[in-house]
Each structure stands twice: as C-alpha cells, then as structure tokens.
C-alpha atoms as a PDB file:
ATOM      1  CA  UNK A   1     -16.533  -4.431  -2.887  1.00  0.00           C
ATOM      2  CA  UNK A   2     -17.754  -1.623  -0.666  1.00  0.00           C
ATOM      3  CA  UNK A   3     -20.587   0.858  -1.072  1.00  0.00           C
ATOM      4  CA  UNK A   4     -24.259   1.074  -1.783  1.00  0.00           C
ATOM      5  CA  UNK A   5     -26.107   0.706  -5.080  1.00  0.00           C
ATOM      6  CA  UNK A   6     -24.778   4.069  -6.304  1.00  0.00           C
ATOM      7  CA  UNK A   7     -21.204   3.939  -5.032  1.00  0.00           C
ATOM      8  CA  UNK A   8     -18.964   0.905  -5.342  1.00  0.00           C
ATOM      9  CA  UNK A   9     -15.266   0.432  -4.620  1.00  0.00           C
ATOM     10  CA  UNK A  10     -13.503  -2.732  -5.704  1.00  0.00           C
ATOM     11  CA  UNK A  11     -10.643  -3.533  -3.361  1.00  0.00           C
ATOM     12  CA  UNK A  12      -8.288  -6.310  -2.452  1.00  0.00           C
ATOM     13  CA  UNK A  13      -9.071  -6.500   1.259  1.00  0.00           C
ATOM     14  CA  UNK A  14      -5.815  -8.276   2.086  1.00  0.00           C
ATOM     15  CA  UNK A  15      -3.730  -5.602   0.379  1.00  0.00           C
ATOM     16  CA  UNK A  16      -5.691  -2.776   1.988  1.00  0.00           C
ATOM     17  CA  UNK A  17      -5.292  -4.450   5.364  1.00  0.00           C
ATOM     18  CA  UNK A  18      -1.549  -4.358   4.743  1.00  0.00           C
ATOM     19  CA  UNK A  19      -1.697  -0.621   3.919  1.00  0.00           C
ATOM     20  CA  UNK A  20      -3.633   0.315   7.032  1.00  0.00           C
ATOM     21  CA  UNK A  21      -1.530  -1.967   9.224  1.00  0.00           C
ATOM     22  CA  UNK A  22       1.574  -0.191   7.924  1.00  0.00           C
ATOM     23  CA  UNK A  23       0.143   3.278   8.518  1.00  0.00           C
ATOM     24  CA  UNK A  24      -1.068   2.428  12.016  1.00  0.00           C
ATOM     25  CA  UNK A  25       2.191   0.683  12.922  1.00  0.00           C
ATOM     26  CA  UNK A  26       4.212   3.705  11.782  1.00  0.00           C
ATOM     27  CA  UNK A  27       1.952   6.127  13.638  1.00  0.00           C
ATOM     28  CA  UNK A  28       2.375   4.147  16.847  1.00  0.00           C
ATOM     29  CA  UNK A  29       6.120   3.742  16.299  1.00  0.00           C
ATOM     30  CA  UNK A  30       6.822   7.439  15.757  1.00  0.00           C
ATOM     31  CA  UNK A  31       4.371   8.932  18.258  1.00  0.00           C
ATOM     32  CA  UNK A  32       4.519   8.834  22.032  1.00  0.00           C
ATOM     33  CA  UNK A  33       0.946  10.125  22.267  1.00  0.00           C
ATOM     34  CA  UNK A  34      -2.298   8.688  20.987  1.00  0.00           C
ATOM     35  CA  UNK A  35      -3.002   8.501  17.293  1.00  0.00           C
ATOM     36  CA  UNK A  36      -6.211   9.453  15.481  1.00  0.00           C
ATOM     37  CA  UNK A  37      -7.967   7.863  12.513  1.00  0.00           C
ATOM     38  CA  UNK A  38     -10.535   9.742  10.442  1.00  0.00           C
ATOM     39  CA  UNK A  39     -12.606   8.685   7.469  1.00  0.00           C
ATOM     40  CA  UNK A  40     -14.993  10.330   5.046  1.00  0.00           C
ATOM     41  CA  UNK A  41     -17.195   8.888   2.348  1.00  0.00           C
ATOM     42  CA  UNK A  42     -18.329  11.463  -0.185  1.00  0.00           C
ATOM     43  CA  UNK A  43     -17.399  11.473  -3.886  1.00  0.00           C
ATOM     44  CA  UNK A  44     -14.471   9.245  -2.861  1.00  0.00           C
ATOM     45  CA  UNK A  45     -13.294   7.396   0.242  1.00  0.00           C
ATOM     46  CA  UNK A  46     -10.758   9.238   2.374  1.00  0.00           C
ATOM     47  CA  UNK A  47      -8.983   7.699   5.375  1.00  0.00           C
ATOM     48  CA  UNK A  48      -6.464   9.643   7.448  1.00  0.00           C
ATOM     49  CA  UNK A  49      -4.056   8.354  10.084  1.00  0.00           C
ATOM     50  CA  UNK A  50      -2.697  11.134  12.287  1.00  0.00           C
ATOM     51  CA  UNK A  51       0.132  10.927  14.804  1.00  0.00           C
ATOM     52  CA  UNK A  52       1.684  13.490  17.102  1.00  0.00           C
ATOM     53  CA  UNK A  53       5.242  12.255  16.791  1.00  0.00           C
ATOM     54  CA  UNK A  54       8.567  13.365  15.390  1.00  0.00           C
ATOM     55  CA  UNK A  55       7.152  14.532  12.061  1.00  0.00           C
ATOM     56  CA  UNK A  56       8.827  14.461   8.662  1.00  0.00           C
ATOM     57  CA  UNK A  57      10.808  17.314   7.151  1.00  0.00           C
ATOM     58  CA  UNK A  58       9.767  18.736   3.798  1.00  0.00           C
ATOM     59  CA  UNK A  59      12.946  17.301   2.277  1.00  0.00           C
ATOM     60  CA  UNK A  60      12.234  13.789   3.602  1.00  0.00           C
ATOM     61  CA  UNK A  61       8.593  13.977   2.475  1.00  0.00           C
ATOM     62  CA  UNK A  62       9.821  14.074  -1.128  1.00  0.00           C
ATOM     63  CA  UNK A  63      11.349  10.605  -0.694  1.00  0.00           C
ATOM     64  CA  UNK A  64       9.176   8.957   1.966  1.00  0.00           C
ATOM     65  CA  UNK A  65       7.389   6.685  -0.548  1.00  0.00           C
ATOM     66  CA  UNK A  66      10.575   5.474  -2.248  1.00  0.00           C
ATOM     67  CA  UNK A  67      12.142   2.062  -1.557  1.00  0.00           C
ATOM     68  CA  UNK A  68      14.487   1.827   1.432  1.00  0.00           C
ATOM     69  CA  UNK A  69      13.688   5.304   2.754  1.00  0.00           C
ATOM     70  CA  UNK A  70      13.995   5.444   6.540  1.00  0.00           C
ATOM     71  CA  UNK A  71      13.569   8.371   8.881  1.00  0.00           C
ATOM     72  CA  UNK A  72      16.549   9.303  10.960  1.00  0.00           C
ATOM     73  CA  UNK A  73      16.500  10.828  14.400  1.00  0.00           C
ATOM     74  CA  UNK A  74      19.495  11.880  16.479  1.00  0.00           C
ATOM     75  CA  UNK A  75      17.730  10.591  19.613  1.00  0.00           C
ATOM     76  CA  UNK A  76      16.566   7.198  18.480  1.00  0.00           C
ATOM     77  CA  UNK A  77      17.039   4.384  15.988  1.00  0.00           C
ATOM     78  CA  UNK A  78      13.819   3.120  14.423  1.00  0.00           C
ATOM     79  CA  UNK A  79      13.365  -0.450  13.235  1.00  0.00           C
ATOM     80  CA  UNK A  80      12.326  -1.237   9.691  1.00  0.00           C
ATOM     81  CA  UNK A  81      13.629  -1.759   6.191  1.00  0.00           C
ATOM     82  CA  UNK A  82      12.293   1.392   4.594  1.00  0.00           C
ATOM     83  CA  UNK A  83       9.966  -0.576   2.334  1.00  0.00           C
ATOM     84  CA  UNK A  84       6.640  -0.296   4.174  1.00  0.00           C
ATOM     85  CA  UNK A  85       5.426   3.048   2.835  1.00  0.00           C
ATOM     86  CA  UNK A  86       6.743   2.255  -0.641  1.00  0.00           C
ATOM     87  CA  UNK A  87       4.726  -0.972  -0.752  1.00  0.00           C
ATOM     88  CA  UNK A  88       1.672   0.738   0.754  1.00  0.00           C
ATOM     89  CA  UNK A  89       1.862   3.483  -1.861  1.00  0.00           C
ATOM     90  CA  UNK A  90       2.096   0.935  -4.684  1.00  0.00           C
ATOM     91  CA  UNK A  91      -0.943  -0.947  -3.360  1.00  0.00           C
ATOM     92  CA  UNK A  92      -2.991   2.253  -3.216  1.00  0.00           C
ATOM     93  CA  UNK A  93      -1.869   3.239  -6.727  1.00  0.00           C
ATOM     94  CA  UNK A  94      -2.923  -0.226  -7.952  1.00  0.00           C
ATOM     95  CA  UNK A  95      -6.389   0.641  -6.595  1.00  0.00           C
ATOM     96  CA  UNK A  96      -6.316   3.912  -8.618  1.00  0.00           C
ATOM     97  CA  UNK A  97      -5.977   5.858  -5.397  1.00  0.00           C
ATOM     98  CA  UNK A  98      -3.427   8.102  -3.746  1.00  0.00           C
ATOM     99  CA  UNK A  99      -1.368   7.999  -0.562  1.00  0.00           C
ATOM    100  CA  UNK A 100      -0.036  11.340   0.639  1.00  0.00           C
ATOM    101  CA  UNK A 101       1.593  12.843   3.710  1.00  0.00           C
ATOM    102  CA  UNK A 102       1.282  16.204   5.419  1.00  0.00           C
ATOM    103  CA  UNK A 103       3.830  16.641   8.175  1.00  0.00           C
ATOM    104  CA  UNK A 104       5.876  19.073  10.203  1.00  0.00           C
ATOM    105  CA  UNK A 105       8.915  18.189  12.320  1.00  0.00           C
ATOM    106  CA  UNK A 106       8.110  17.812  16.027  1.00  0.00           C
ATOM    107  CA  UNK A 107       4.366  18.169  15.362  1.00  0.00           C
ATOM    108  CA  UNK A 108       3.447  14.867  13.752  1.00  0.00           C
ATOM    109  CA  UNK A 109       2.164  13.541  10.467  1.00  0.00           C
ATOM    110  CA  UNK A 110      -1.105  12.887   8.684  1.00  0.00           C
ATOM    111  CA  UNK A 111      -1.127  10.133   6.064  1.00  0.00           C
ATOM    112  CA  UNK A 112      -4.120  10.293   3.741  1.00  0.00           C
ATOM    113  CA  UNK A 113      -5.437   7.428   1.622  1.00  0.00           C
ATOM    114  CA  UNK A 114      -7.913   8.386  -1.094  1.00  0.00           C
ATOM    115  CA  UNK A 115      -9.779   5.735  -3.072  1.00  0.00           C
ATOM    116  CA  UNK A 116     -12.142   6.488  -5.946  1.00  0.00           C
ATOM    117  CA  UNK A 117     -15.512   4.918  -6.484  1.00  0.00           C
ATOM    118  CA  UNK A 118     -15.990   2.686  -9.491  1.00  0.00           C
ATOM    119  CA  UNK A 119     -18.101   4.292 -12.223  1.00  0.00           C
END
C-alpha cells in the first residue's frame, strides 16, 4: 500500500519489483548511454524508464508485449527469451494499470507504467 490518507495504491511489491527490474534491465541492455527514470504522482502514479538505445520500430511496437517477442538487430544478438515484457505487462494489468512504449529506431524508447489509485 502506497499513498497518503486520500490516495492509496494496493500493490504486490514483489511483482512490481519484477516489472521495474525488467524495464531497467532492458534499458541498460539496449542503450549504450545512460538511462533516465521519471515519476509523477498526481491523479495516478506514472513511472517512465527512458533509454537512448536502438529503439523499436512501429511494427515491432505492436507485438512487443506478446510472448516470445524479441528485438532483432543486424549488428548484435540480444540475450533473452522474449517473455520479460509480456510478463511485466500482465503484472501491471493485474494491478489495473497500463504499460506502454513510445519509441523511434536509433533514438531510444520510453516505457511508461501507469497505476491508478484505489477509490
């Protein structure tokens, strides 16, 4: 449970730790530069993980949260099973939240987690 007397979020801290570990691990894996993490608490909780890496094409963004989806690069082979973002997305959905991506090839990606407050 997070929040003050007016705003409460019920979360499974172990599952959310898994989500943020996945997002941070991916950001570090796909970016040769630093990464950035932002958060905002307003009418909902918003956390963004931004990298400056290879980016994700619009076509791949449609499938990035599906099981066994892996990014391909002609220059490099990336480790992983393609399950991490799928599992992370399911965890966030189980918390009545959303996980989204905004990305452009060769410019990086921003993954956004949004969690609602409990009424």
